[in-house]
N, C-alpha and C. Protein backbone atom coordinates (compact mmCIF):
# COMPACT_ATOMS: atom_id res chain seq x y z
N UNK A 1 -1.55 -19.24 8.96
CA UNK A 1 -1.45 -18.51 7.73
C UNK A 1 0.01 -18.54 7.28
N UNK A 2 0.23 -18.84 6.01
CA UNK A 2 1.59 -18.82 5.47
C UNK A 2 1.83 -17.50 4.75
N UNK A 3 3.05 -17.01 4.86
CA UNK A 3 3.43 -15.72 4.27
C UNK A 3 4.51 -15.93 3.23
N UNK A 4 4.42 -15.15 2.14
CA UNK A 4 5.40 -15.20 1.07
C UNK A 4 6.00 -13.82 0.89
N UNK A 5 7.32 -13.74 0.90
CA UNK A 5 8.01 -12.46 0.66
C UNK A 5 7.85 -12.13 -0.82
N UNK A 6 7.32 -10.94 -1.12
CA UNK A 6 7.07 -10.57 -2.50
C UNK A 6 7.94 -9.42 -2.98
N UNK A 7 8.46 -8.63 -2.07
CA UNK A 7 9.30 -7.50 -2.46
C UNK A 7 9.92 -6.88 -1.23
N UNK A 8 10.77 -5.91 -1.49
CA UNK A 8 11.29 -5.08 -0.40
C UNK A 8 11.49 -3.68 -0.96
N UNK A 9 11.50 -2.73 -0.07
CA UNK A 9 11.66 -1.34 -0.47
C UNK A 9 12.44 -0.61 0.59
N UNK A 10 12.34 0.69 0.56
CA UNK A 10 13.05 1.55 1.51
C UNK A 10 12.10 1.92 2.64
N UNK A 11 12.46 1.51 3.86
CA UNK A 11 11.69 1.97 5.01
C UNK A 11 11.80 3.48 5.03
N UNK A 12 10.68 4.17 5.09
CA UNK A 12 10.72 5.62 4.99
C UNK A 12 10.06 6.35 6.15
N UNK A 13 9.16 5.68 6.87
CA UNK A 13 8.45 6.38 7.93
C UNK A 13 7.88 5.38 8.93
N UNK A 14 7.92 5.74 10.18
CA UNK A 14 7.28 5.03 11.29
C UNK A 14 7.63 3.54 11.32
N UNK A 15 8.66 3.19 12.06
CA UNK A 15 9.15 1.80 12.08
C UNK A 15 8.26 0.84 12.86
N UNK A 16 7.29 0.29 12.20
CA UNK A 16 6.45 -0.70 12.86
C UNK A 16 6.02 -1.75 11.85
N UNK A 17 5.67 -2.92 12.37
CA UNK A 17 5.14 -3.97 11.51
C UNK A 17 3.63 -3.77 11.43
N UNK A 18 3.09 -3.85 10.23
CA UNK A 18 1.65 -3.68 10.02
C UNK A 18 1.14 -4.87 9.22
N UNK A 19 0.04 -5.43 9.66
CA UNK A 19 -0.61 -6.52 8.95
C UNK A 19 -2.07 -6.12 8.73
N UNK A 20 -2.49 -6.09 7.46
CA UNK A 20 -3.85 -5.65 7.13
C UNK A 20 -4.16 -6.07 5.70
N UNK A 21 -5.45 -6.00 5.32
CA UNK A 21 -5.78 -6.25 3.91
C UNK A 21 -5.15 -5.18 3.03
N UNK A 22 -4.75 -5.56 1.83
CA UNK A 22 -4.17 -4.58 0.92
C UNK A 22 -5.23 -4.00 0.01
N UNK A 23 -4.95 -2.82 -0.49
CA UNK A 23 -5.82 -2.15 -1.47
C UNK A 23 -4.92 -1.54 -2.53
N UNK A 24 -5.08 -1.98 -3.77
CA UNK A 24 -4.29 -1.44 -4.87
C UNK A 24 -4.92 -0.13 -5.33
N UNK A 25 -4.12 0.92 -5.38
CA UNK A 25 -4.57 2.23 -5.86
C UNK A 25 -3.53 2.67 -6.90
N UNK A 26 -3.80 2.32 -8.15
CA UNK A 26 -2.87 2.61 -9.24
C UNK A 26 -3.60 3.36 -10.33
N UNK A 27 -3.22 4.57 -10.55
CA UNK A 27 -3.84 5.33 -11.62
C UNK A 27 -4.97 6.21 -11.15
N UNK A 28 -5.29 7.16 -11.97
CA UNK A 28 -6.29 8.17 -11.64
C UNK A 28 -7.66 7.59 -11.33
N UNK A 29 -8.10 6.61 -12.09
CA UNK A 29 -9.43 6.03 -11.89
C UNK A 29 -9.59 5.45 -10.48
N UNK A 30 -8.58 4.76 -9.99
CA UNK A 30 -8.66 4.15 -8.67
C UNK A 30 -8.49 5.18 -7.56
N UNK A 31 -7.73 6.25 -7.82
CA UNK A 31 -7.61 7.33 -6.84
C UNK A 31 -8.94 8.03 -6.68
N UNK A 32 -9.62 8.32 -7.80
CA UNK A 32 -10.94 8.96 -7.75
C UNK A 32 -11.95 8.05 -7.03
N UNK A 33 -11.90 6.75 -7.31
CA UNK A 33 -12.80 5.81 -6.62
C UNK A 33 -12.55 5.82 -5.12
N UNK A 34 -11.30 5.89 -4.72
CA UNK A 34 -10.96 5.94 -3.30
C UNK A 34 -11.47 7.23 -2.67
N UNK A 35 -11.36 8.35 -3.39
CA UNK A 35 -11.85 9.64 -2.89
C UNK A 35 -13.36 9.63 -2.68
N UNK A 36 -14.09 8.98 -3.57
CA UNK A 36 -15.55 8.98 -3.51
C UNK A 36 -16.13 7.94 -2.56
N UNK A 37 -15.31 7.01 -2.16
CA UNK A 37 -15.77 5.93 -1.29
C UNK A 37 -16.03 6.46 0.12
N UNK A 38 -17.15 6.05 0.71
CA UNK A 38 -17.36 6.45 2.10
C UNK A 38 -16.27 5.84 2.97
N UNK A 39 -16.08 6.40 4.13
CA UNK A 39 -15.03 5.90 5.01
C UNK A 39 -15.11 4.39 5.13
N UNK A 40 -13.98 3.75 4.94
CA UNK A 40 -13.89 2.30 5.02
C UNK A 40 -12.77 1.94 5.98
N UNK A 41 -12.68 0.67 6.29
CA UNK A 41 -11.62 0.22 7.18
C UNK A 41 -10.27 0.49 6.52
N UNK A 42 -9.36 1.13 7.25
CA UNK A 42 -8.04 1.41 6.67
C UNK A 42 -7.32 0.13 6.28
N UNK A 43 -6.59 0.20 5.17
CA UNK A 43 -5.86 -0.95 4.67
C UNK A 43 -4.45 -0.51 4.32
N UNK A 44 -3.62 -1.47 3.92
CA UNK A 44 -2.30 -1.13 3.41
C UNK A 44 -2.51 -0.73 1.96
N UNK A 45 -2.31 0.54 1.66
CA UNK A 45 -2.48 1.04 0.30
C UNK A 45 -1.20 0.74 -0.47
N UNK A 46 -1.35 0.01 -1.58
CA UNK A 46 -0.23 -0.32 -2.45
C UNK A 46 -0.42 0.50 -3.72
N UNK A 47 0.55 1.33 -4.06
CA UNK A 47 0.35 2.30 -5.12
C UNK A 47 1.61 2.51 -5.96
N UNK A 48 1.41 3.16 -7.09
CA UNK A 48 2.52 3.60 -7.92
C UNK A 48 2.61 5.13 -7.90
N UNK A 49 2.08 5.72 -6.84
CA UNK A 49 2.07 7.17 -6.66
C UNK A 49 3.07 7.54 -5.56
N UNK A 50 3.83 8.58 -5.78
CA UNK A 50 4.76 9.05 -4.74
C UNK A 50 4.68 10.56 -4.56
N UNK A 51 3.86 11.22 -5.37
CA UNK A 51 3.75 12.67 -5.25
C UNK A 51 2.45 13.17 -5.83
N UNK A 52 2.24 14.46 -5.72
CA UNK A 52 1.05 15.08 -6.28
C UNK A 52 -0.10 15.14 -5.30
N UNK A 53 -1.22 15.63 -5.79
CA UNK A 53 -2.39 15.86 -4.92
C UNK A 53 -3.05 14.58 -4.44
N UNK A 54 -2.78 13.46 -5.08
CA UNK A 54 -3.39 12.18 -4.66
C UNK A 54 -2.85 11.70 -3.33
N UNK A 55 -1.72 12.20 -2.92
CA UNK A 55 -1.07 11.71 -1.70
C UNK A 55 -1.97 11.88 -0.48
N UNK A 56 -2.61 13.03 -0.33
CA UNK A 56 -3.45 13.25 0.86
C UNK A 56 -4.63 12.30 0.90
N UNK A 57 -5.21 11.99 -0.26
CA UNK A 57 -6.32 11.02 -0.31
C UNK A 57 -5.84 9.66 0.13
N UNK A 58 -4.70 9.25 -0.35
CA UNK A 58 -4.15 7.94 -0.01
C UNK A 58 -3.85 7.84 1.48
N UNK A 59 -3.21 8.86 2.03
CA UNK A 59 -2.82 8.82 3.44
C UNK A 59 -4.03 8.76 4.35
N UNK A 60 -5.08 9.49 4.05
CA UNK A 60 -6.26 9.50 4.91
C UNK A 60 -6.97 8.15 4.95
N UNK A 61 -6.79 7.32 3.94
CA UNK A 61 -7.48 6.03 3.86
C UNK A 61 -6.58 4.85 4.20
N UNK A 62 -5.36 5.11 4.60
CA UNK A 62 -4.38 4.03 4.77
C UNK A 62 -4.10 3.71 6.23
N UNK A 63 -3.74 2.47 6.45
CA UNK A 63 -3.18 2.04 7.72
C UNK A 63 -1.65 2.02 7.59
N UNK A 64 -1.19 1.80 6.36
CA UNK A 64 0.22 1.86 5.99
C UNK A 64 0.26 2.05 4.48
N UNK A 65 1.41 2.46 3.95
CA UNK A 65 1.56 2.72 2.53
C UNK A 65 2.77 1.96 1.99
N UNK A 66 2.60 1.37 0.82
CA UNK A 66 3.70 0.75 0.08
C UNK A 66 3.63 1.33 -1.33
N UNK A 67 4.71 1.98 -1.77
CA UNK A 67 4.76 2.54 -3.11
C UNK A 67 5.87 1.86 -3.91
N UNK A 68 5.57 1.59 -5.17
CA UNK A 68 6.56 0.95 -6.04
C UNK A 68 7.63 1.92 -6.50
N UNK A 69 7.38 3.22 -6.32
CA UNK A 69 8.34 4.24 -6.75
C UNK A 69 8.66 5.15 -5.57
N UNK A 70 9.56 6.08 -5.80
CA UNK A 70 9.85 7.09 -4.79
C UNK A 70 11.07 6.77 -3.96
N UNK A 71 11.48 7.77 -3.22
CA UNK A 71 12.63 7.67 -2.34
C UNK A 71 12.32 8.31 -1.00
N UNK A 72 13.32 8.40 -0.12
CA UNK A 72 13.09 8.88 1.23
C UNK A 72 12.54 10.30 1.35
N UNK A 73 12.67 11.11 0.30
CA UNK A 73 12.17 12.49 0.36
C UNK A 73 10.95 12.71 -0.52
N UNK A 74 10.31 11.64 -0.97
CA UNK A 74 9.11 11.76 -1.81
C UNK A 74 7.97 12.42 -1.03
N UNK A 75 7.09 13.05 -1.74
CA UNK A 75 5.94 13.71 -1.14
C UNK A 75 5.13 12.75 -0.26
N UNK A 76 4.94 11.52 -0.73
CA UNK A 76 4.16 10.56 0.05
C UNK A 76 4.84 10.24 1.38
N UNK A 77 6.17 10.23 1.41
CA UNK A 77 6.91 9.98 2.65
C UNK A 77 6.77 11.15 3.61
N UNK A 78 6.88 12.36 3.10
CA UNK A 78 6.75 13.54 3.94
C UNK A 78 5.35 13.55 4.59
N UNK A 79 4.32 13.28 3.79
CA UNK A 79 2.96 13.22 4.33
C UNK A 79 2.80 12.09 5.35
N UNK A 80 3.36 10.94 5.05
CA UNK A 80 3.27 9.80 5.96
C UNK A 80 3.94 10.13 7.30
N UNK A 81 5.07 10.79 7.25
CA UNK A 81 5.75 11.18 8.50
C UNK A 81 4.89 12.14 9.31
N UNK A 82 4.22 13.08 8.65
CA UNK A 82 3.36 14.04 9.34
C UNK A 82 2.22 13.33 10.09
N UNK A 83 1.73 12.22 9.51
CA UNK A 83 0.62 11.47 10.10
C UNK A 83 1.09 10.25 10.91
N UNK A 84 2.43 10.12 11.09
CA UNK A 84 2.98 8.97 11.81
C UNK A 84 2.54 7.66 11.17
N UNK A 85 2.50 7.66 9.84
CA UNK A 85 2.01 6.53 9.04
C UNK A 85 3.17 5.67 8.56
N UNK A 86 3.13 4.37 8.78
CA UNK A 86 4.17 3.49 8.23
C UNK A 86 4.19 3.58 6.70
N UNK A 87 5.39 3.70 6.14
CA UNK A 87 5.50 3.87 4.69
C UNK A 87 6.78 3.22 4.17
N UNK A 88 6.64 2.48 3.08
CA UNK A 88 7.77 1.91 2.34
C UNK A 88 7.67 2.43 0.91
N UNK A 89 8.78 2.88 0.36
CA UNK A 89 8.82 3.35 -1.03
C UNK A 89 9.89 2.57 -1.79
N UNK A 90 9.85 2.67 -3.11
CA UNK A 90 10.86 2.04 -3.95
C UNK A 90 10.75 0.53 -4.03
N UNK A 91 9.55 0.01 -3.83
CA UNK A 91 9.33 -1.44 -3.90
C UNK A 91 8.99 -1.82 -5.34
N UNK A 92 9.90 -1.54 -6.25
CA UNK A 92 9.68 -1.70 -7.68
C UNK A 92 9.41 -3.13 -8.13
N UNK A 93 9.84 -4.12 -7.36
CA UNK A 93 9.61 -5.52 -7.74
C UNK A 93 8.17 -5.96 -7.50
N UNK A 94 7.39 -5.13 -6.85
CA UNK A 94 6.00 -5.46 -6.54
C UNK A 94 5.12 -5.19 -7.76
N UNK A 95 4.56 -6.22 -8.35
CA UNK A 95 3.73 -6.09 -9.54
C UNK A 95 2.29 -5.81 -9.13
N UNK A 96 1.85 -4.57 -9.28
CA UNK A 96 0.51 -4.18 -8.83
C UNK A 96 -0.58 -5.01 -9.50
N UNK A 97 -0.41 -5.31 -10.77
CA UNK A 97 -1.44 -6.05 -11.50
C UNK A 97 -1.64 -7.47 -10.97
N UNK A 98 -0.65 -7.99 -10.26
CA UNK A 98 -0.77 -9.35 -9.74
C UNK A 98 -1.37 -9.41 -8.35
N UNK A 99 -1.62 -8.25 -7.74
CA UNK A 99 -2.16 -8.21 -6.38
C UNK A 99 -3.67 -8.12 -6.41
N UNK A 100 -4.31 -8.78 -5.46
CA UNK A 100 -5.77 -8.75 -5.36
C UNK A 100 -6.19 -8.00 -4.10
N UNK A 101 -7.10 -7.06 -4.26
CA UNK A 101 -7.62 -6.33 -3.10
C UNK A 101 -8.16 -7.31 -2.07
N UNK A 102 -7.89 -7.02 -0.81
CA UNK A 102 -8.37 -7.86 0.28
C UNK A 102 -7.37 -8.90 0.74
N UNK A 103 -6.33 -9.16 -0.06
CA UNK A 103 -5.29 -10.10 0.34
C UNK A 103 -4.57 -9.52 1.54
N UNK A 104 -4.29 -10.34 2.52
CA UNK A 104 -3.57 -9.87 3.70
C UNK A 104 -2.12 -9.61 3.33
N UNK A 105 -1.63 -8.44 3.77
CA UNK A 105 -0.25 -8.04 3.51
C UNK A 105 0.41 -7.71 4.85
N UNK A 106 1.68 -8.01 4.94
CA UNK A 106 2.45 -7.65 6.12
C UNK A 106 3.63 -6.82 5.66
N UNK A 107 3.80 -5.68 6.29
CA UNK A 107 4.85 -4.74 5.96
C UNK A 107 5.75 -4.64 7.19
N UNK A 108 7.04 -4.94 7.00
CA UNK A 108 7.99 -4.92 8.10
C UNK A 108 8.77 -3.61 8.13
N UNK A 109 9.27 -3.26 9.29
CA UNK A 109 10.01 -2.02 9.45
C UNK A 109 11.32 -2.00 8.65
N UNK A 110 11.84 -3.17 8.28
CA UNK A 110 13.07 -3.22 7.49
C UNK A 110 12.83 -3.08 5.99
N UNK A 111 11.58 -2.89 5.58
CA UNK A 111 11.25 -2.72 4.17
C UNK A 111 10.76 -3.98 3.48
N UNK A 112 10.74 -5.10 4.18
CA UNK A 112 10.26 -6.36 3.61
C UNK A 112 8.73 -6.35 3.52
N UNK A 113 8.22 -6.88 2.41
CA UNK A 113 6.78 -6.94 2.17
C UNK A 113 6.40 -8.39 1.91
N UNK A 114 5.38 -8.88 2.64
CA UNK A 114 4.91 -10.26 2.48
C UNK A 114 3.41 -10.25 2.25
N UNK A 115 2.92 -11.27 1.53
CA UNK A 115 1.47 -11.45 1.40
C UNK A 115 1.13 -12.85 1.87
N UNK A 116 -0.12 -12.99 2.32
CA UNK A 116 -0.60 -14.29 2.79
C UNK A 116 -0.77 -15.21 1.59
N UNK A 117 -0.57 -16.51 1.83
CA UNK A 117 -0.73 -17.50 0.77
C UNK A 117 -2.12 -17.46 0.18
N UNK A 118 -2.22 -17.71 -1.12
CA UNK A 118 -3.49 -17.63 -1.85
C UNK A 118 -4.53 -18.58 -1.27
N UNK A 119 -4.11 -19.70 -0.70
CA UNK A 119 -5.06 -20.66 -0.13
C UNK A 119 -5.68 -20.15 1.15
N UNK A 120 -5.09 -19.14 1.76
CA UNK A 120 -5.56 -18.65 3.05
C UNK A 120 -6.49 -17.45 2.94
N UNK A 121 -6.66 -16.90 1.74
CA UNK A 121 -7.35 -15.62 1.61
C UNK A 121 -8.44 -15.69 0.55
N UNK A 122 -9.60 -15.12 0.86
CA UNK A 122 -10.64 -14.93 -0.15
C UNK A 122 -10.46 -13.52 -0.70
N UNK A 123 -9.72 -13.38 -1.79
CA UNK A 123 -9.34 -12.09 -2.32
C UNK A 123 -10.27 -11.62 -3.43
N UNK A 124 -10.29 -10.31 -3.60
CA UNK A 124 -11.08 -9.70 -4.68
C UNK A 124 -10.11 -9.14 -5.71
N UNK A 125 -10.51 -9.04 -6.97
CA UNK A 125 -9.61 -8.46 -7.98
C UNK A 125 -9.46 -6.95 -7.73
N UNK A 126 -8.37 -6.35 -8.25
CA UNK A 126 -8.22 -4.90 -8.15
C UNK A 126 -9.43 -4.20 -8.77
N UNK A 127 -9.70 -2.98 -8.34
CA UNK A 127 -10.90 -2.25 -8.76
C UNK A 127 -11.06 -2.20 -10.27
N UNK A 128 -9.99 -1.95 -10.99
CA UNK A 128 -10.06 -1.83 -12.43
C UNK A 128 -10.47 -3.10 -13.14
N UNK A 129 -10.44 -4.24 -12.44
CA UNK A 129 -10.75 -5.53 -13.05
C UNK A 129 -12.06 -6.11 -12.57
N UNK A 130 -12.85 -5.32 -11.84
CA UNK A 130 -14.13 -5.82 -11.30
C UNK A 130 -15.22 -5.72 -12.33
């Protein structure tokens, strides 16, 4: 499998490398869909959320979190630390609309974010585009 570096952010919680399918959760509609979904295999949740009541929903369904916004003291980071959840924030270069659910993502402890090459993955479009 080939990996492509797509962004970097601020390592904020639990220094470990995580490799898993990604799930884009951007906006209220996708947060509600995630809340209503029966328990599924945890994935790397990629989001534009860093605070508010959606954070607990995201954390419970995640294997790791990558947020395009936020800093080391964001609500999502505090929650991630409580659950010993790997979390990167401030990955603003990551274009959520260009990511496909199911694509393998690797999140490094130094804040580097990589995705598997498109030829290696059978990806699905983000929920809003299905």
